[in-house]
Protein backbone atom coordinates (compact mmCIF):
# COMPACT_ATOMS: atom_id res chain seq x y z
CA MET A 1 0.04 0.02 0.01
CA SER A 2 1.35 3.33 -0.90
CA ARG A 3 1.75 6.33 1.53
CA THR A 4 -1.23 8.14 0.18
CA ASP A 5 -3.44 5.14 0.56
CA LEU A 6 -2.38 4.84 4.08
CA ALA A 7 -2.90 8.53 4.80
CA LEU A 8 -6.38 8.44 3.10
CA SER A 9 -7.29 5.39 5.12
CA ALA A 10 -6.02 7.03 8.48
CA SER A 11 -7.91 10.27 7.53
CA ARG A 12 -11.31 8.15 6.96
CA LYS A 13 -10.87 6.42 10.03
CA ARG A 14 -10.18 9.45 12.13
CA LYS A 15 -13.31 11.33 10.58
CA LEU A 16 -15.52 8.18 11.36
CA ARG A 17 -14.11 8.26 15.03
CA ASP A 18 -14.91 11.84 15.24
CA GLY A 19 -18.41 11.27 13.93
CA ALA A 20 -18.95 8.42 16.52
CA LYS A 21 -17.97 10.88 19.33
CA LEU A 22 -20.21 13.48 18.11
CA LEU A 23 -23.27 11.07 17.80
CA PRO A 24 -24.16 11.45 21.59
CA VAL A 25 -24.16 15.29 21.25
CA ILE A 26 -26.50 15.02 18.47
CA GLY A 27 -28.57 12.59 20.26
CA ALA A 28 -28.82 15.10 23.34
CA PHE A 29 -29.59 17.85 20.99
CA LEU A 30 -32.46 15.95 19.48
CA PHE A 31 -33.83 15.22 23.03
CA LEU A 32 -33.79 18.78 24.16
CA SER A 33 -37.00 20.17 25.38
CA PRO A 34 -37.67 22.83 22.72
CA ILE A 35 -37.28 20.39 19.89
CA ILE A 36 -39.58 17.68 21.54
CA THR A 37 -42.21 20.16 22.40
CA VAL A 38 -42.76 20.53 18.47
CA PHE A 39 -44.13 16.99 18.56
CA THR A 40 -46.40 17.35 21.49
CA GLY A 41 -49.63 18.23 19.77
CA PRO A 42 -52.83 16.29 19.58
CA LEU A 43 -51.67 14.59 16.32
CA SER A 44 -51.34 10.86 16.23
CA LEU A 45 -50.03 8.33 13.70
CA PHE A 46 -51.32 4.78 13.58
CA GLY A 47 -53.02 5.52 16.92
CA LEU A 48 -49.72 6.53 18.53
CA PRO A 49 -49.16 10.15 19.84
CA LEU A 50 -46.36 11.90 17.55
CA ILE A 51 -44.12 12.44 20.68
CA PHE A 52 -43.82 8.77 21.20
CA ILE A 53 -42.95 8.12 17.41
CA TYR A 54 -40.42 10.86 17.56
CA VAL A 55 -38.73 9.69 20.61
CA PHE A 56 -38.58 6.02 19.70
CA GLY A 57 -37.60 7.00 16.20
CA VAL A 58 -34.85 9.22 17.28
CA TRP A 59 -33.76 6.56 19.69
CA LEU A 60 -33.59 3.83 16.90
CA GLY A 61 -31.89 6.04 14.52
CA LEU A 62 -29.18 6.67 17.05
CA VAL A 63 -28.79 3.01 17.70
CA LEU A 64 -28.48 2.16 14.19
CA ALA A 65 -26.08 4.85 13.32
CA ALA A 66 -23.95 3.79 16.40
CA ARG A 67 -24.13 0.25 15.18
CA ALA A 68 -23.05 0.98 11.81
CA MET A 69 -20.25 3.25 12.91
CA ALA A 70 -18.98 0.61 15.12
CA ARG A 71 -18.95 -2.00 12.43
CA ARG A 72 -17.09 0.40 10.04
CA LEU A 73 -14.48 1.10 12.74
CA GLU A 74 -13.98 -2.54 13.80
CA SER A 75 -13.35 -3.38 9.94
CA ARG A 76 -10.65 -0.91 9.48
C-alpha cells in the first residue's frame, strides 16, 4: 500500500471516529425540550401520539447509526 493510500485510510478512520464521538451530542440535541415540544400536539399516527413516535424513532436512529459506525470502525 502506498503512503497516500495509508494517509487516506487514516483520515477516513479519524473522521469516522470523530463522527462516533459526535453522535451522543447530536442525540442530546434531538432530545432537548424545545425540539421535543414541537411534537407534543394532539396529532397521532397509527393511533400513537406523535411524541412517542419521535422519541422512539430518534432512539432507533441513534442505535442504528452507532451500530453502523462501530462495524465500520471494527473493519478498518
